[in-house]
Amino acid sequence: MPITKSTKKALRQNITNRRRNIKRADTYKSAIKDYKKAVLSKDAEETIASLSKVYKSLDKAAKSNTIKKNKADRMKSRLTKLSAKNQT
């Protein structure tokens, strides 16, 4: 357990940030799952709408350093390729 005042505050901040990061990670992971379901159903409108949600959630996660920017870009690229591959 922390002893000094500054380490107690650091612990509180870590707990808060961890909760926030877990929530953001859950958001983009569930958005990706919904997107993959839409791609498999081959519904173009639903796929485009869910891809937009995925982009938004990945960008938010990257902006807040929950994930790195390159990881977000890589995931967006791969998911877009997935859509193009399954639409043909």
N, C-alpha and C. Protein backbone atom coordinates (compact mmCIF):
# COMPACT_ATOMS: atom_id res chain seq x y z
N MET A 1 0.84 -1.19 0.00
CA MET A 1 0.00 0.00 0.00
C MET A 1 0.88 1.25 0.00
N PRO A 2 0.42 2.28 -0.69
CA PRO A 2 1.20 3.52 -0.73
C PRO A 2 1.24 4.19 0.65
N ILE A 3 2.34 4.84 0.88
CA ILE A 3 2.52 5.49 2.17
C ILE A 3 2.45 7.01 2.03
N THR A 4 3.18 7.54 1.07
CA THR A 4 3.22 8.99 0.94
C THR A 4 1.98 9.51 0.22
N LYS A 5 1.78 10.81 0.38
CA LYS A 5 0.60 11.47 -0.19
C LYS A 5 0.61 11.38 -1.73
N SER A 6 1.77 11.57 -2.32
CA SER A 6 1.85 11.56 -3.79
C SER A 6 1.61 10.17 -4.36
N THR A 7 2.07 9.13 -3.67
CA THR A 7 1.83 7.79 -4.19
C THR A 7 0.37 7.37 -4.02
N LYS A 8 -0.29 7.89 -2.98
CA LYS A 8 -1.72 7.63 -2.82
C LYS A 8 -2.51 8.25 -3.97
N LYS A 9 -2.12 9.48 -4.33
CA LYS A 9 -2.79 10.15 -5.45
C LYS A 9 -2.50 9.40 -6.75
N ALA A 10 -1.26 8.96 -6.93
CA ALA A 10 -0.90 8.23 -8.15
C ALA A 10 -1.71 6.94 -8.26
N LEU A 11 -1.94 6.27 -7.16
CA LEU A 11 -2.75 5.06 -7.16
C LEU A 11 -4.18 5.36 -7.57
N ARG A 12 -4.74 6.44 -7.02
CA ARG A 12 -6.10 6.83 -7.40
C ARG A 12 -6.18 7.13 -8.90
N GLN A 13 -5.17 7.82 -9.42
CA GLN A 13 -5.16 8.15 -10.84
C GLN A 13 -5.04 6.88 -11.69
N ASN A 14 -4.21 5.95 -11.25
CA ASN A 14 -4.04 4.70 -12.00
C ASN A 14 -5.34 3.92 -12.07
N ILE A 15 -6.06 3.89 -10.98
CA ILE A 15 -7.33 3.16 -10.96
C ILE A 15 -8.33 3.81 -11.90
N THR A 16 -8.41 5.14 -11.85
CA THR A 16 -9.33 5.86 -12.72
C THR A 16 -8.97 5.67 -14.19
N ASN A 17 -7.70 5.81 -14.51
CA ASN A 17 -7.26 5.66 -15.90
C ASN A 17 -7.46 4.23 -16.40
N ARG A 18 -7.24 3.26 -15.53
CA ARG A 18 -7.42 1.87 -15.92
C ARG A 18 -8.88 1.60 -16.26
N ARG A 19 -9.79 2.10 -15.45
CA ARG A 19 -11.22 1.93 -15.74
C ARG A 19 -11.59 2.57 -17.07
N ARG A 20 -11.07 3.76 -17.29
CA ARG A 20 -11.37 4.47 -18.53
C ARG A 20 -10.82 3.71 -19.74
N ASN A 21 -9.60 3.20 -19.62
CA ASN A 21 -8.98 2.47 -20.72
C ASN A 21 -9.71 1.17 -21.01
N ILE A 22 -10.14 0.47 -19.97
CA ILE A 22 -10.88 -0.77 -20.17
C ILE A 22 -12.19 -0.50 -20.88
N LYS A 23 -12.86 0.59 -20.49
CA LYS A 23 -14.13 0.95 -21.13
C LYS A 23 -13.91 1.26 -22.61
N ARG A 24 -12.87 2.02 -22.93
CA ARG A 24 -12.59 2.35 -24.33
C ARG A 24 -12.23 1.11 -25.12
N ALA A 25 -11.45 0.22 -24.53
CA ALA A 25 -11.07 -1.01 -25.22
C ALA A 25 -12.29 -1.88 -25.48
N ASP A 26 -13.17 -1.98 -24.50
CA ASP A 26 -14.40 -2.75 -24.70
C ASP A 26 -15.25 -2.15 -25.81
N THR A 27 -15.27 -0.83 -25.88
CA THR A 27 -16.06 -0.15 -26.90
C THR A 27 -15.57 -0.48 -28.29
N TYR A 28 -14.26 -0.37 -28.52
CA TYR A 28 -13.79 -0.63 -29.88
C TYR A 28 -13.81 -2.12 -30.21
N LYS A 29 -13.63 -2.97 -29.22
CA LYS A 29 -13.70 -4.40 -29.49
C LYS A 29 -15.12 -4.84 -29.84
N SER A 30 -16.10 -4.30 -29.14
CA SER A 30 -17.48 -4.66 -29.47
C SER A 30 -17.89 -4.06 -30.82
N ALA A 31 -17.37 -2.88 -31.15
CA ALA A 31 -17.66 -2.28 -32.45
C ALA A 31 -17.08 -3.15 -33.57
N ILE A 32 -15.90 -3.69 -33.34
CA ILE A 32 -15.28 -4.57 -34.34
C ILE A 32 -16.10 -5.85 -34.50
N LYS A 33 -16.59 -6.41 -33.41
CA LYS A 33 -17.42 -7.61 -33.50
C LYS A 33 -18.69 -7.35 -34.29
N ASP A 34 -19.33 -6.20 -34.02
CA ASP A 34 -20.55 -5.84 -34.75
C ASP A 34 -20.25 -5.66 -36.24
N TYR A 35 -19.11 -5.06 -36.54
CA TYR A 35 -18.70 -4.83 -37.93
C TYR A 35 -18.49 -6.16 -38.65
N LYS A 36 -17.82 -7.09 -37.99
CA LYS A 36 -17.56 -8.39 -38.62
C LYS A 36 -18.87 -9.15 -38.88
N LYS A 37 -19.83 -9.02 -37.98
CA LYS A 37 -21.14 -9.64 -38.20
C LYS A 37 -21.83 -9.01 -39.40
N ALA A 38 -21.70 -7.69 -39.52
CA ALA A 38 -22.31 -6.99 -40.65
C ALA A 38 -21.67 -7.40 -41.97
N VAL A 39 -20.36 -7.59 -41.95
CA VAL A 39 -19.66 -8.00 -43.17
C VAL A 39 -20.10 -9.39 -43.59
N LEU A 40 -20.24 -10.28 -42.62
CA LEU A 40 -20.66 -11.64 -42.95
C LEU A 40 -22.10 -11.70 -43.45
N SER A 41 -22.93 -10.77 -42.98
CA SER A 41 -24.32 -10.75 -43.45
C SER A 41 -24.44 -10.13 -44.83
N LYS A 42 -23.37 -9.51 -45.31
CA LYS A 42 -23.29 -8.89 -46.64
C LYS A 42 -24.33 -7.80 -46.86
N ASP A 43 -24.65 -7.09 -45.79
CA ASP A 43 -25.54 -5.94 -45.88
C ASP A 43 -24.68 -4.69 -46.01
N ALA A 44 -24.70 -4.07 -47.18
CA ALA A 44 -23.78 -2.97 -47.47
C ALA A 44 -24.01 -1.76 -46.57
N GLU A 45 -25.27 -1.40 -46.37
CA GLU A 45 -25.56 -0.22 -45.55
C GLU A 45 -25.15 -0.42 -44.10
N GLU A 46 -25.45 -1.60 -43.58
CA GLU A 46 -25.08 -1.90 -42.20
C GLU A 46 -23.56 -1.96 -42.05
N THR A 47 -22.87 -2.48 -43.06
CA THR A 47 -21.42 -2.56 -43.02
C THR A 47 -20.80 -1.17 -42.97
N ILE A 48 -21.30 -0.26 -43.80
CA ILE A 48 -20.77 1.10 -43.84
C ILE A 48 -21.02 1.81 -42.52
N ALA A 49 -22.21 1.64 -41.97
CA ALA A 49 -22.54 2.29 -40.70
C ALA A 49 -21.68 1.76 -39.56
N SER A 50 -21.48 0.45 -39.53
CA SER A 50 -20.68 -0.12 -38.44
C SER A 50 -19.19 0.18 -38.64
N LEU A 51 -18.74 0.31 -39.88
CA LEU A 51 -17.34 0.69 -40.12
C LEU A 51 -17.09 2.10 -39.59
N SER A 52 -18.06 2.97 -39.76
CA SER A 52 -17.94 4.32 -39.23
C SER A 52 -17.80 4.31 -37.71
N LYS A 53 -18.58 3.46 -37.05
CA LYS A 53 -18.50 3.34 -35.59
C LYS A 53 -17.14 2.79 -35.16
N VAL A 54 -16.63 1.84 -35.93
CA VAL A 54 -15.31 1.26 -35.62
C VAL A 54 -14.23 2.33 -35.74
N TYR A 55 -14.27 3.10 -36.82
CA TYR A 55 -13.29 4.17 -37.01
C TYR A 55 -13.33 5.16 -35.85
N LYS A 56 -14.54 5.54 -35.46
CA LYS A 56 -14.69 6.51 -34.38
C LYS A 56 -14.13 5.97 -33.07
N SER A 57 -14.47 4.74 -32.74
CA SER A 57 -14.00 4.18 -31.47
C SER A 57 -12.50 3.94 -31.47
N LEU A 58 -11.92 3.52 -32.61
CA LEU A 58 -10.48 3.33 -32.68
C LEU A 58 -9.74 4.66 -32.59
N ASP A 59 -10.28 5.68 -33.24
CA ASP A 59 -9.64 6.99 -33.17
C ASP A 59 -9.68 7.56 -31.75
N LYS A 60 -10.79 7.36 -31.05
CA LYS A 60 -10.87 7.82 -29.67
C LYS A 60 -9.88 7.09 -28.78
N ALA A 61 -9.76 5.78 -28.99
CA ALA A 61 -8.82 5.00 -28.19
C ALA A 61 -7.38 5.42 -28.47
N ALA A 62 -7.08 5.72 -29.73
CA ALA A 62 -5.72 6.14 -30.07
C ALA A 62 -5.44 7.55 -29.55
N LYS A 63 -6.44 8.41 -29.59
CA LYS A 63 -6.25 9.78 -29.12
C LYS A 63 -5.95 9.83 -27.63
N SER A 64 -6.56 8.93 -26.88
CA SER A 64 -6.37 8.92 -25.43
C SER A 64 -5.24 7.98 -25.00
N ASN A 65 -4.48 7.47 -25.96
CA ASN A 65 -3.35 6.57 -25.71
C ASN A 65 -3.77 5.25 -25.07
N THR A 66 -5.01 4.83 -25.28
CA THR A 66 -5.41 3.50 -24.84
C THR A 66 -4.71 2.47 -25.72
N ILE A 67 -4.66 2.76 -27.01
CA ILE A 67 -3.85 1.98 -27.95
C ILE A 67 -3.00 2.96 -28.73
N LYS A 68 -1.97 2.46 -29.38
CA LYS A 68 -1.10 3.34 -30.15
C LYS A 68 -1.75 3.69 -31.49
N LYS A 69 -1.36 4.82 -32.03
CA LYS A 69 -1.95 5.32 -33.27
C LYS A 69 -1.73 4.35 -34.42
N ASN A 70 -0.54 3.79 -34.50
CA ASN A 70 -0.26 2.85 -35.59
C ASN A 70 -1.11 1.60 -35.50
N LYS A 71 -1.38 1.14 -34.29
CA LYS A 71 -2.25 -0.02 -34.13
C LYS A 71 -3.65 0.29 -34.61
N ALA A 72 -4.15 1.47 -34.27
CA ALA A 72 -5.48 1.87 -34.72
C ALA A 72 -5.53 1.95 -36.24
N ASP A 73 -4.51 2.54 -36.84
CA ASP A 73 -4.46 2.65 -38.30
C ASP A 73 -4.38 1.27 -38.96
N ARG A 74 -3.58 0.40 -38.36
CA ARG A 74 -3.44 -0.95 -38.90
C ARG A 74 -4.76 -1.72 -38.83
N MET A 75 -5.46 -1.58 -37.71
CA MET A 75 -6.74 -2.27 -37.56
C MET A 75 -7.77 -1.73 -38.55
N LYS A 76 -7.80 -0.41 -38.72
CA LYS A 76 -8.74 0.19 -39.67
C LYS A 76 -8.46 -0.31 -41.08
N SER A 77 -7.20 -0.40 -41.44
CA SER A 77 -6.82 -0.86 -42.77
C SER A 77 -7.25 -2.31 -42.99
N ARG A 78 -6.99 -3.15 -42.01
CA ARG A 78 -7.33 -4.56 -42.15
C ARG A 78 -8.83 -4.78 -42.20
N LEU A 79 -9.57 -4.02 -41.42
CA LEU A 79 -11.02 -4.17 -41.42
C LEU A 79 -11.63 -3.69 -42.73
N THR A 80 -11.05 -2.64 -43.31
CA THR A 80 -11.52 -2.15 -44.60
C THR A 80 -11.25 -3.18 -45.69
N LYS A 81 -10.07 -3.81 -45.63
CA LYS A 81 -9.74 -4.86 -46.59
C LYS A 81 -10.70 -6.04 -46.46
N LEU A 82 -11.08 -6.36 -45.22
CA LEU A 82 -12.02 -7.45 -44.96
C LEU A 82 -13.34 -7.17 -45.65
N SER A 83 -13.79 -5.94 -45.58
CA SER A 83 -15.05 -5.56 -46.20
C SER A 83 -14.96 -5.70 -47.71
N ALA A 84 -13.85 -5.22 -48.28
CA ALA A 84 -13.68 -5.27 -49.73
C ALA A 84 -13.60 -6.71 -50.21
N LYS A 85 -12.95 -7.55 -49.44
CA LYS A 85 -12.79 -8.96 -49.82
C LYS A 85 -14.12 -9.71 -49.80
N ASN A 86 -14.95 -9.44 -48.80
CA ASN A 86 -16.21 -10.17 -48.67
C ASN A 86 -17.33 -9.60 -49.52
N GLN A 87 -17.18 -8.39 -50.05
CA GLN A 87 -18.23 -7.80 -50.89
C GLN A 87 -18.18 -8.36 -52.31
N THR A 88 -17.04 -8.90 -52.71
CA THR A 88 -16.92 -9.43 -54.08
C THR A 88 -17.41 -10.83 -54.20
